[in-house]
């Protein structure tokens, strides 16, 4: 019984270590922040579904985005009126 419990514990530790090793091999998640000054909001909105499809096909995910909702807290005013934050699981993806 003790031998079985020890083997089970050792197997779990090896499995957890292997998972951590695989996670480390893929690297950290990658984030991209985009700032754009979209002068034609209608054209931008029309193109958005196609752009979102390409991002999703390449493993990306939209984390945040807004249109005309920037607020200045301090410093120089933002140039863009559109900010988007995207995430990929690894640099390879």
PDB file of N, CA and C in Angstrom:
ATOM      1  N   UNK A   1       0.833  -1.193   0.000  1.00  0.00           N
ATOM      2  CA  UNK A   1       0.000   0.000   0.000  1.00  0.00           C
ATOM      3  C   UNK A   1       0.872   1.249   0.000  1.00  0.00           C
ATOM      4  N   UNK A   2       1.883   1.296   0.861  1.00  0.00           N
ATOM      5  CA  UNK A   2       2.778   2.438   0.946  1.00  0.00           C
ATOM      6  C   UNK A   2       3.553   2.615  -0.357  1.00  0.00           C
ATOM      7  N   UNK A   3       3.949   1.465  -0.949  1.00  0.00           N
ATOM      8  CA  UNK A   3       4.684   1.514  -2.208  1.00  0.00           C
ATOM      9  C   UNK A   3       3.804   2.104  -3.314  1.00  0.00           C
ATOM     10  N   UNK A   4       2.532   1.709  -3.367  1.00  0.00           N
ATOM     11  CA  UNK A   4       1.601   2.227  -4.374  1.00  0.00           C
ATOM     12  C   UNK A   4       1.377   3.721  -4.200  1.00  0.00           C
ATOM     13  N   UNK A   5       1.234   4.145  -2.961  1.00  0.00           N
ATOM     14  CA  UNK A   5       1.034   5.571  -2.691  1.00  0.00           C
ATOM     15  C   UNK A   5       2.270   6.362  -3.091  1.00  0.00           C
ATOM     16  N   UNK A   6       3.441   5.826  -2.832  1.00  0.00           N
ATOM     17  CA  UNK A   6       4.689   6.509  -3.207  1.00  0.00           C
ATOM     18  C   UNK A   6       4.819   6.620  -4.718  1.00  0.00           C
ATOM     19  N   UNK A   7       4.477   5.533  -5.416  1.00  0.00           N
ATOM     20  CA  UNK A   7       4.540   5.554  -6.888  1.00  0.00           C
ATOM     21  C   UNK A   7       3.535   6.549  -7.472  1.00  0.00           C
ATOM     22  N   UNK A   8       2.354   6.580  -6.890  1.00  0.00           N
ATOM     23  CA  UNK A   8       1.324   7.519  -7.347  1.00  0.00           C
ATOM     24  C   UNK A   8       1.775   8.956  -7.136  1.00  0.00           C
ATOM     25  N   UNK A   9       2.344   9.245  -5.981  1.00  0.00           N
ATOM     26  CA  UNK A   9       2.844  10.587  -5.680  1.00  0.00           C
ATOM     27  C   UNK A   9       3.985  10.958  -6.620  1.00  0.00           C
ATOM     28  N   UNK A  10       4.907  10.032  -6.839  1.00  0.00           N
ATOM     29  CA  UNK A  10       6.039  10.298  -7.742  1.00  0.00           C
ATOM     30  C   UNK A  10       5.539  10.543  -9.159  1.00  0.00           C
ATOM     31  N   UNK A  11       4.556   9.763  -9.594  1.00  0.00           N
ATOM     32  CA  UNK A  11       3.993   9.948 -10.934  1.00  0.00           C
ATOM     33  C   UNK A  11       3.330  11.305 -11.089  1.00  0.00           C
ATOM     34  N   UNK A  12       2.616  11.724 -10.055  1.00  0.00           N
ATOM     35  CA  UNK A  12       1.966  13.039 -10.092  1.00  0.00           C
ATOM     36  C   UNK A  12       2.993  14.150 -10.154  1.00  0.00           C
ATOM     37  N   UNK A  13       4.059  14.022  -9.390  1.00  0.00           N
ATOM     38  CA  UNK A  13       5.103  15.055  -9.392  1.00  0.00           C
ATOM     39  C   UNK A  13       5.786  15.120 -10.762  1.00  0.00           C
ATOM     40  N   UNK A  14       6.072  13.955 -11.335  1.00  0.00           N
ATOM     41  CA  UNK A  14       6.689  13.936 -12.671  1.00  0.00           C
ATOM     42  C   UNK A  14       5.744  14.547 -13.706  1.00  0.00           C
ATOM     43  N   UNK A  15       4.466  14.219 -13.616  1.00  0.00           N
ATOM     44  CA  UNK A  15       3.488  14.777 -14.551  1.00  0.00           C
ATOM     45  C   UNK A  15       3.379  16.286 -14.450  1.00  0.00           C
ATOM     46  N   UNK A  16       3.335  16.800 -13.232  1.00  0.00           N
ATOM     47  CA  UNK A  16       3.256  18.246 -13.020  1.00  0.00           C
ATOM     48  C   UNK A  16       4.516  18.917 -13.548  1.00  0.00           C
ATOM     49  N   UNK A  17       5.670  18.300 -13.287  1.00  0.00           N
ATOM     50  CA  UNK A  17       6.928  18.847 -13.803  1.00  0.00           C
ATOM     51  C   UNK A  17       6.959  18.872 -15.313  1.00  0.00           C
ATOM     52  N   UNK A  18       6.446  17.802 -15.939  1.00  0.00           N
ATOM     53  CA  UNK A  18       6.416  17.747 -17.403  1.00  0.00           C
ATOM     54  C   UNK A  18       5.508  18.831 -17.968  1.00  0.00           C
ATOM     55  N   UNK A  19       4.357  19.047 -17.336  1.00  0.00           N
ATOM     56  CA  UNK A  19       3.448  20.097 -17.799  1.00  0.00           C
ATOM     57  C   UNK A  19       4.087  21.473 -17.681  1.00  0.00           C
ATOM     58  N   UNK A  20       4.784  21.697 -16.578  1.00  0.00           N
ATOM     59  CA  UNK A  20       5.464  22.980 -16.403  1.00  0.00           C
ATOM     60  C   UNK A  20       6.558  23.149 -17.448  1.00  0.00           C
ATOM     61  N   UNK A  21       7.262  22.072 -17.757  1.00  0.00           N
ATOM     62  CA  UNK A  21       8.303  22.118 -18.786  1.00  0.00           C
ATOM     63  C   UNK A  21       7.724  22.432 -20.151  1.00  0.00           C
ATOM     64  N   UNK A  22       6.582  21.836 -20.475  1.00  0.00           N
ATOM     65  CA  UNK A  22       5.928  22.139 -21.755  1.00  0.00           C
ATOM     66  C   UNK A  22       5.470  23.589 -21.807  1.00  0.00           C
ATOM     67  N   UNK A  23       4.947  24.071 -20.722  1.00  0.00           N
ATOM     68  CA  UNK A  23       4.498  25.469 -20.654  1.00  0.00           C
ATOM     69  C   UNK A  23       5.688  26.411 -20.854  1.00  0.00           C
ATOM     70  N   UNK A  24       6.812  26.089 -20.221  1.00  0.00           N
ATOM     71  CA  UNK A  24       7.998  26.922 -20.359  1.00  0.00           C
ATOM     72  C   UNK A  24       8.552  26.852 -21.782  1.00  0.00           C
ATOM     73  N   UNK A  25       8.398  25.714 -22.438  1.00  0.00           N
ATOM     74  CA  UNK A  25       8.924  25.557 -23.790  1.00  0.00           C
ATOM     75  C   UNK A  25       8.170  26.421 -24.797  1.00  0.00           C
ATOM     76  N   UNK A  26       6.892  26.654 -24.545  1.00  0.00           N
ATOM     77  CA  UNK A  26       6.120  27.475 -25.478  1.00  0.00           C
ATOM     78  C   UNK A  26       6.352  28.956 -25.245  1.00  0.00           C
ATOM     79  N   UNK A  27       6.902  29.310 -24.109  1.00  0.00           N
ATOM     80  CA  UNK A  27       7.192  30.714 -23.821  1.00  0.00           C
ATOM     81  C   UNK A  27       5.995  31.437 -23.243  1.00  0.00           C
ATOM     82  N   UNK A  28       6.211  32.680 -22.879  1.00  0.00           N
ATOM     83  CA  UNK A  28       5.132  33.459 -22.275  1.00  0.00           C
ATOM     84  C   UNK A  28       4.123  33.921 -23.327  1.00  0.00           C
ATOM     85  N   UNK A  29       2.984  34.315 -22.848  1.00  0.00           N
ATOM     86  CA  UNK A  29       1.980  34.880 -23.749  1.00  0.00           C
ATOM     87  C   UNK A  29       2.506  36.189 -24.320  1.00  0.00           C
ATOM     88  N   UNK A  30       2.036  36.528 -25.511  1.00  0.00           N
ATOM     89  CA  UNK A  30       2.473  37.742 -26.196  1.00  0.00           C
ATOM     90  C   UNK A  30       1.284  38.688 -26.312  1.00  0.00           C
ATOM     91  N   UNK A  31       1.520  39.934 -25.948  1.00  0.00           N
ATOM     92  CA  UNK A  31       0.486  40.960 -26.048  1.00  0.00           C
ATOM     93  C   UNK A  31       0.914  42.012 -27.057  1.00  0.00           C
ATOM     94  N   UNK A  32      -0.051  42.538 -27.801  1.00  0.00           N
ATOM     95  CA  UNK A  32       0.213  43.623 -28.738  1.00  0.00           C
ATOM     96  C   UNK A  32      -0.801  44.730 -28.470  1.00  0.00           C
ATOM     97  N   UNK A  33      -0.312  45.957 -28.418  1.00  0.00           N
ATOM     98  CA  UNK A  33      -1.174  47.118 -28.200  1.00  0.00           C
ATOM     99  C   UNK A  33      -1.093  47.978 -29.443  1.00  0.00           C
ATOM    100  N   UNK A  34      -2.236  48.253 -30.034  1.00  0.00           N
ATOM    101  CA  UNK A  34      -2.299  49.048 -31.255  1.00  0.00           C
ATOM    102  C   UNK A  34      -3.031  50.356 -30.989  1.00  0.00           C
ATOM    103  N   UNK A  35      -2.507  51.399 -31.583  1.00  0.00           N
ATOM    104  CA  UNK A  35      -3.144  52.713 -31.539  1.00  0.00           C
ATOM    105  C   UNK A  35      -3.342  53.150 -32.986  1.00  0.00           C
ATOM    106  N   UNK A  36      -4.536  53.544 -33.334  1.00  0.00           N
ATOM    107  CA  UNK A  36      -4.820  53.989 -34.695  1.00  0.00           C
ATOM    108  C   UNK A  36      -5.687  55.232 -34.657  1.00  0.00           C
ATOM    109  N   UNK A  37      -5.550  56.038 -35.671  1.00  0.00           N
ATOM    110  CA  UNK A  37      -6.403  57.205 -35.821  1.00  0.00           C
ATOM    111  C   UNK A  37      -7.300  56.939 -37.023  1.00  0.00           C
ATOM    112  N   UNK A  38      -8.443  56.344 -36.784  1.00  0.00           N
ATOM    113  CA  UNK A  38      -9.378  55.981 -37.842  1.00  0.00           C
ATOM    114  C   UNK A  38     -10.255  57.184 -38.155  1.00  0.00           C
ATOM    115  N   UNK A  39      -9.999  57.802 -39.311  1.00  0.00           N
ATOM    116  CA  UNK A  39     -10.753  58.992 -39.705  1.00  0.00           C
ATOM    117  C   UNK A  39     -12.142  58.633 -40.222  1.00  0.00           C
ATOM    118  N   UNK A  40     -12.277  57.448 -40.843  1.00  0.00           N
ATOM    119  CA  UNK A  40     -13.551  57.018 -41.415  1.00  0.00           C
ATOM    120  C   UNK A  40     -14.105  55.880 -40.557  1.00  0.00           C
ATOM    121  N   UNK A  41     -14.920  56.244 -39.591  1.00  0.00           N
ATOM    122  CA  UNK A  41     -15.441  55.256 -38.645  1.00  0.00           C
ATOM    123  C   UNK A  41     -16.301  54.199 -39.336  1.00  0.00           C
ATOM    124  N   UNK A  42     -17.063  54.580 -40.349  1.00  0.00           N
ATOM    125  CA  UNK A  42     -17.918  53.624 -41.054  1.00  0.00           C
ATOM    126  C   UNK A  42     -17.078  52.573 -41.784  1.00  0.00           C
ATOM    127  N   UNK A  43     -16.012  52.989 -42.463  1.00  0.00           N
ATOM    128  CA  UNK A  43     -15.137  52.049 -43.169  1.00  0.00           C
ATOM    129  C   UNK A  43     -14.406  51.150 -42.176  1.00  0.00           C
ATOM    130  N   UNK A  44     -13.983  51.721 -41.068  1.00  0.00           N
ATOM    131  CA  UNK A  44     -13.298  50.950 -40.029  1.00  0.00           C
ATOM    132  C   UNK A  44     -14.230  49.871 -39.486  1.00  0.00           C
ATOM    133  N   UNK A  45     -15.455  50.245 -39.179  1.00  0.00           N
ATOM    134  CA  UNK A  45     -16.441  49.309 -38.634  1.00  0.00           C
ATOM    135  C   UNK A  45     -16.762  48.213 -39.642  1.00  0.00           C
ATOM    136  N   UNK A  46     -16.817  48.563 -40.926  1.00  0.00           N
ATOM    137  CA  UNK A  46     -17.106  47.585 -41.980  1.00  0.00           C
ATOM    138  C   UNK A  46     -15.969  46.567 -42.107  1.00  0.00           C
ATOM    139  N   UNK A  47     -14.724  47.004 -41.973  1.00  0.00           N
ATOM    140  CA  UNK A  47     -13.565  46.121 -42.120  1.00  0.00           C
ATOM    141  C   UNK A  47     -13.292  45.289 -40.872  1.00  0.00           C
ATOM    142  N   UNK A  48     -13.818  45.680 -39.742  1.00  0.00           N
ATOM    143  CA  UNK A  48     -13.518  45.047 -38.460  1.00  0.00           C
ATOM    144  C   UNK A  48     -13.788  43.545 -38.413  1.00  0.00           C
ATOM    145  N   UNK A  49     -14.919  43.025 -38.908  1.00  0.00           N
ATOM    146  CA  UNK A  49     -15.147  41.567 -38.846  1.00  0.00           C
ATOM    147  C   UNK A  49     -14.079  40.767 -39.598  1.00  0.00           C
ATOM    148  N   UNK A  50     -13.626  41.254 -40.743  1.00  0.00           N
ATOM    149  CA  UNK A  50     -12.583  40.552 -41.491  1.00  0.00           C
ATOM    150  C   UNK A  50     -11.266  40.541 -40.721  1.00  0.00           C
ATOM    151  N   UNK A  51     -10.934  41.663 -40.102  1.00  0.00           N
ATOM    152  CA  UNK A  51      -9.702  41.757 -39.318  1.00  0.00           C
ATOM    153  C   UNK A  51      -9.783  40.830 -38.113  1.00  0.00           C
ATOM    154  N   UNK A  52     -10.903  40.821 -37.433  1.00  0.00           N
ATOM    155  CA  UNK A  52     -11.074  39.952 -36.265  1.00  0.00           C
ATOM    156  C   UNK A  52     -10.972  38.479 -36.657  1.00  0.00           C
ATOM    157  N   UNK A  53     -11.467  38.124 -37.837  1.00  0.00           N
ATOM    158  CA  UNK A  53     -11.387  36.749 -38.328  1.00  0.00           C
ATOM    159  C   UNK A  53      -9.927  36.340 -38.537  1.00  0.00           C
ATOM    160  N   UNK A  54      -9.134  37.206 -39.144  1.00  0.00           N
ATOM    161  CA  UNK A  54      -7.720  36.909 -39.379  1.00  0.00           C
ATOM    162  C   UNK A  54      -6.976  36.755 -38.052  1.00  0.00           C
ATOM    163  N   UNK A  55      -7.254  37.632 -37.109  1.00  0.00           N
ATOM    164  CA  UNK A  55      -6.605  37.550 -35.788  1.00  0.00           C
ATOM    165  C   UNK A  55      -6.941  36.217 -35.136  1.00  0.00           C
ATOM    166  N   UNK A  56      -8.206  35.820 -35.160  1.00  0.00           N
ATOM    167  CA  UNK A  56      -8.636  34.570 -34.541  1.00  0.00           C
ATOM    168  C   UNK A  56      -8.028  33.365 -35.254  1.00  0.00           C
ATOM    169  N   UNK A  57      -7.941  33.401 -36.586  1.00  0.00           N
ATOM    170  CA  UNK A  57      -7.353  32.297 -37.357  1.00  0.00           C
ATOM    171  C   UNK A  57      -5.889  32.079 -36.993  1.00  0.00           C
ATOM    172  N   UNK A  58      -5.223  33.121 -36.546  1.00  0.00           N
ATOM    173  CA  UNK A  58      -3.815  33.016 -36.181  1.00  0.00           C
ATOM    174  C   UNK A  58      -3.611  32.870 -34.666  1.00  0.00           C
ATOM    175  N   UNK A  59      -4.670  32.503 -33.964  1.00  0.00           N
ATOM    176  CA  UNK A  59      -4.560  32.209 -32.539  1.00  0.00           C
ATOM    177  C   UNK A  59      -4.640  33.411 -31.626  1.00  0.00           C
ATOM    178  N   UNK A  60      -4.967  34.565 -32.150  1.00  0.00           N
ATOM    179  CA  UNK A  60      -5.054  35.767 -31.334  1.00  0.00           C
ATOM    180  C   UNK A  60      -6.405  35.910 -30.666  1.00  0.00           C
ATOM    181  N   UNK A  61      -6.426  36.687 -29.612  1.00  0.00           N
ATOM    182  CA  UNK A  61      -7.666  36.954 -28.894  1.00  0.00           C
ATOM    183  C   UNK A  61      -7.723  38.440 -28.552  1.00  0.00           C
ATOM    184  N   UNK A  62      -8.883  39.035 -28.735  1.00  0.00           N
ATOM    185  CA  UNK A  62      -9.093  40.438 -28.377  1.00  0.00           C
ATOM    186  C   UNK A  62      -9.259  40.530 -26.866  1.00  0.00           C
ATOM    187  N   UNK A  63      -8.409  41.320 -26.238  1.00  0.00           N
ATOM    188  CA  UNK A  63      -8.490  41.517 -24.791  1.00  0.00           C
ATOM    189  C   UNK A  63      -9.301  42.763 -24.483  1.00  0.00           C
ATOM    190  N   UNK A  64      -9.035  43.843 -25.210  1.00  0.00           N
ATOM    191  CA  UNK A  64      -9.758  45.096 -24.989  1.00  0.00           C
ATOM    192  C   UNK A  64      -9.666  45.946 -26.239  1.00  0.00           C
ATOM    193  N   UNK A  65     -10.628  46.804 -26.421  1.00  0.00           N
ATOM    194  CA  UNK A  65     -10.620  47.731 -27.542  1.00  0.00           C
ATOM    195  C   UNK A  65     -11.736  48.735 -27.388  1.00  0.00           C
ATOM    196  N   UNK A  66     -11.494  49.928 -27.892  1.00  0.00           N
ATOM    197  CA  UNK A  66     -12.528  50.955 -27.806  1.00  0.00           C
ATOM    198  C   UNK A  66     -12.380  51.924 -28.962  1.00  0.00           C
ATOM    199  N   UNK A  67     -13.431  52.611 -29.270  1.00  0.00           N
ATOM    200  CA  UNK A  67     -13.448  53.593 -30.346  1.00  0.00           C
ATOM    201  C   UNK A  67     -13.934  54.909 -29.775  1.00  0.00           C
ATOM    202  N   UNK A  68     -13.107  55.939 -29.865  1.00  0.00           N
ATOM    203  CA  UNK A  68     -13.446  57.278 -29.376  1.00  0.00           C
ATOM    204  C   UNK A  68     -13.726  57.307 -27.870  1.00  0.00           C
ATOM    205  N   UNK A  69     -13.019  56.487 -27.099  1.00  0.00           N
ATOM    206  CA  UNK A  69     -13.257  56.462 -25.657  1.00  0.00           C
ATOM    207  C   UNK A  69     -11.984  56.708 -24.863  1.00  0.00           C
ATOM    208  N   UNK A  70     -10.958  57.293 -25.501  1.00  0.00           N
ATOM    209  CA  UNK A  70      -9.725  57.559 -24.763  1.00  0.00           C
ATOM    210  C   UNK A  70      -9.934  58.731 -23.822  1.00  0.00           C
ATOM    211  N   UNK A  71      -9.300  58.645 -22.657  1.00  0.00           N
ATOM    212  CA  UNK A  71      -9.389  59.709 -21.667  1.00  0.00           C
ATOM    213  C   UNK A  71      -7.976  60.066 -21.223  1.00  0.00           C
ATOM    214  N   UNK A  72      -7.652  61.316 -21.263  1.00  0.00           N
ATOM    215  CA  UNK A  72      -6.340  61.785 -20.854  1.00  0.00           C
ATOM    216  C   UNK A  72      -6.279  61.900 -19.336  1.00  0.00           C
ATOM    217  N   UNK A  73      -5.308  61.212 -18.751  1.00  0.00           N
ATOM    218  CA  UNK A  73      -5.095  61.318 -17.310  1.00  0.00           C
ATOM    219  C   UNK A  73      -3.995  62.329 -17.045  1.00  0.00           C
ATOM    220  N   UNK A  74      -2.900  62.218 -17.796  1.00  0.00           N
ATOM    221  CA  UNK A  74      -1.813  63.184 -17.690  1.00  0.00           C
ATOM    222  C   UNK A  74      -0.956  63.080 -18.939  1.00  0.00           C
ATOM    223  N   UNK A  75      -0.148  64.085 -19.188  1.00  0.00           N
ATOM    224  CA  UNK A  75       0.745  64.062 -20.343  1.00  0.00           C
ATOM    225  C   UNK A  75       0.089  64.572 -21.611  1.00  0.00           C
ATOM    226  N   UNK A  76       0.706  64.222 -22.731  1.00  0.00           N
ATOM    227  CA  UNK A  76       0.218  64.674 -24.030  1.00  0.00           C
ATOM    228  C   UNK A  76      -1.048  63.915 -24.436  1.00  0.00           C
ATOM    229  N   UNK A  77      -1.941  64.572 -25.155  1.00  0.00           N
ATOM    230  CA  UNK A  77      -3.156  63.893 -25.630  1.00  0.00           C
ATOM    231  C   UNK A  77      -2.798  62.739 -26.567  1.00  0.00           C
ATOM    232  N   UNK A  78      -3.610  61.696 -26.545  1.00  0.00           N
ATOM    233  CA  UNK A  78      -3.405  60.550 -27.426  1.00  0.00           C
ATOM    234  C   UNK A  78      -3.623  60.959 -28.874  1.00  0.00           C
ATOM    235  N   UNK A  79      -2.820  60.392 -29.771  1.00  0.00           N
ATOM    236  CA  UNK A  79      -2.954  60.672 -31.199  1.00  0.00           C
ATOM    237  C   UNK A  79      -4.112  59.881 -31.770  1.00  0.00           C
ATOM    238  N   UNK A  80      -4.217  58.626 -31.393  1.00  0.00           N
ATOM    239  CA  UNK A  80      -5.239  57.760 -31.954  1.00  0.00           C
ATOM    240  C   UNK A  80      -6.575  57.879 -31.266  1.00  0.00           C
ATOM    241  N   UNK A  81      -7.597  57.422 -31.983  1.00  0.00           N
ATOM    242  CA  UNK A  81      -8.932  57.383 -31.405  1.00  0.00           C
ATOM    243  C   UNK A  81      -9.403  55.935 -31.245  1.00  0.00           C
ATOM    244  N   UNK A  82      -8.507  54.994 -31.567  1.00  0.00           N
ATOM    245  CA  UNK A  82      -8.833  53.574 -31.470  1.00  0.00           C
ATOM    246  C   UNK A  82      -7.649  52.842 -30.844  1.00  0.00           C
ATOM    247  N   UNK A  83      -7.887  52.156 -29.742  1.00  0.00           N
ATOM    248  CA  UNK A  83      -6.855  51.372 -29.073  1.00  0.00           C
ATOM    249  C   UNK A  83      -7.340  49.934 -28.958  1.00  0.00           C
ATOM    250  N   UNK A  84      -6.441  48.999 -29.239  1.00  0.00           N
ATOM    251  CA  UNK A  84      -6.783  47.583 -29.192  1.00  0.00           C
ATOM    252  C   UNK A  84      -5.653  46.828 -28.500  1.00  0.00           C
ATOM    253  N   UNK A  85      -6.003  45.900 -27.620  1.00  0.00           N
ATOM    254  CA  UNK A  85      -5.032  45.021 -26.984  1.00  0.00           C
ATOM    255  C   UNK A  85      -5.361  43.596 -27.407  1.00  0.00           C
ATOM    256  N   UNK A  86      -4.358  42.905 -27.999  1.00  0.00           N
ATOM    257  CA  UNK A  86      -4.519  41.535 -28.461  1.00  0.00           C
ATOM    258  C   UNK A  86      -3.563  40.642 -27.693  1.00  0.00           C
ATOM    259  N   UNK A  87      -3.895  39.332 -27.616  1.00  0.00           N
ATOM    260  CA  UNK A  87      -3.032  38.371 -26.929  1.00  0.00           C
ATOM    261  C   UNK A  87      -2.916  37.099 -27.774  1.00  0.00           C
ATOM    262  N   UNK A  88      -1.692  36.567 -27.818  1.00  0.00           N
ATOM    263  CA  UNK A  88      -1.422  35.264 -28.401  1.00  0.00           C
ATOM    264  C   UNK A  88      -0.809  34.390 -27.323  1.00  0.00           C
ATOM    265  N   UNK A  89      -1.012  33.082 -27.384  1.00  0.00           N
ATOM    266  CA  UNK A  89      -0.510  32.164 -26.367  1.00  0.00           C
ATOM    267  C   UNK A  89       1.014  32.064 -26.376  1.00  0.00           C
ATOM    268  N   UNK A  90       1.643  32.312 -27.533  1.00  0.00           N
ATOM    269  CA  UNK A  90       3.099  32.260 -27.608  1.00  0.00           C
ATOM    270  C   UNK A  90       3.549  33.094 -28.806  1.00  0.00           C
ATOM    271  N   UNK A  91       4.828  33.365 -28.865  1.00  0.00           N
ATOM    272  CA  UNK A  91       5.362  34.126 -29.992  1.00  0.00           C
ATOM    273  C   UNK A  91       5.241  33.326 -31.282  1.00  0.00           C
ATOM    274  N   UNK A  92       5.343  32.019 -31.192  1.00  0.00           N
ATOM    275  CA  UNK A  92       5.233  31.171 -32.376  1.00  0.00           C
ATOM    276  C   UNK A  92       3.846  31.247 -33.000  1.00  0.00           C
ATOM    277  N   UNK A  93       2.819  31.346 -32.179  1.00  0.00           N
ATOM    278  CA  UNK A  93       1.453  31.382 -32.720  1.00  0.00           C
ATOM    279  C   UNK A  93       1.156  32.737 -33.298  1.00  0.00           C
TER     280      UNK A  93
END
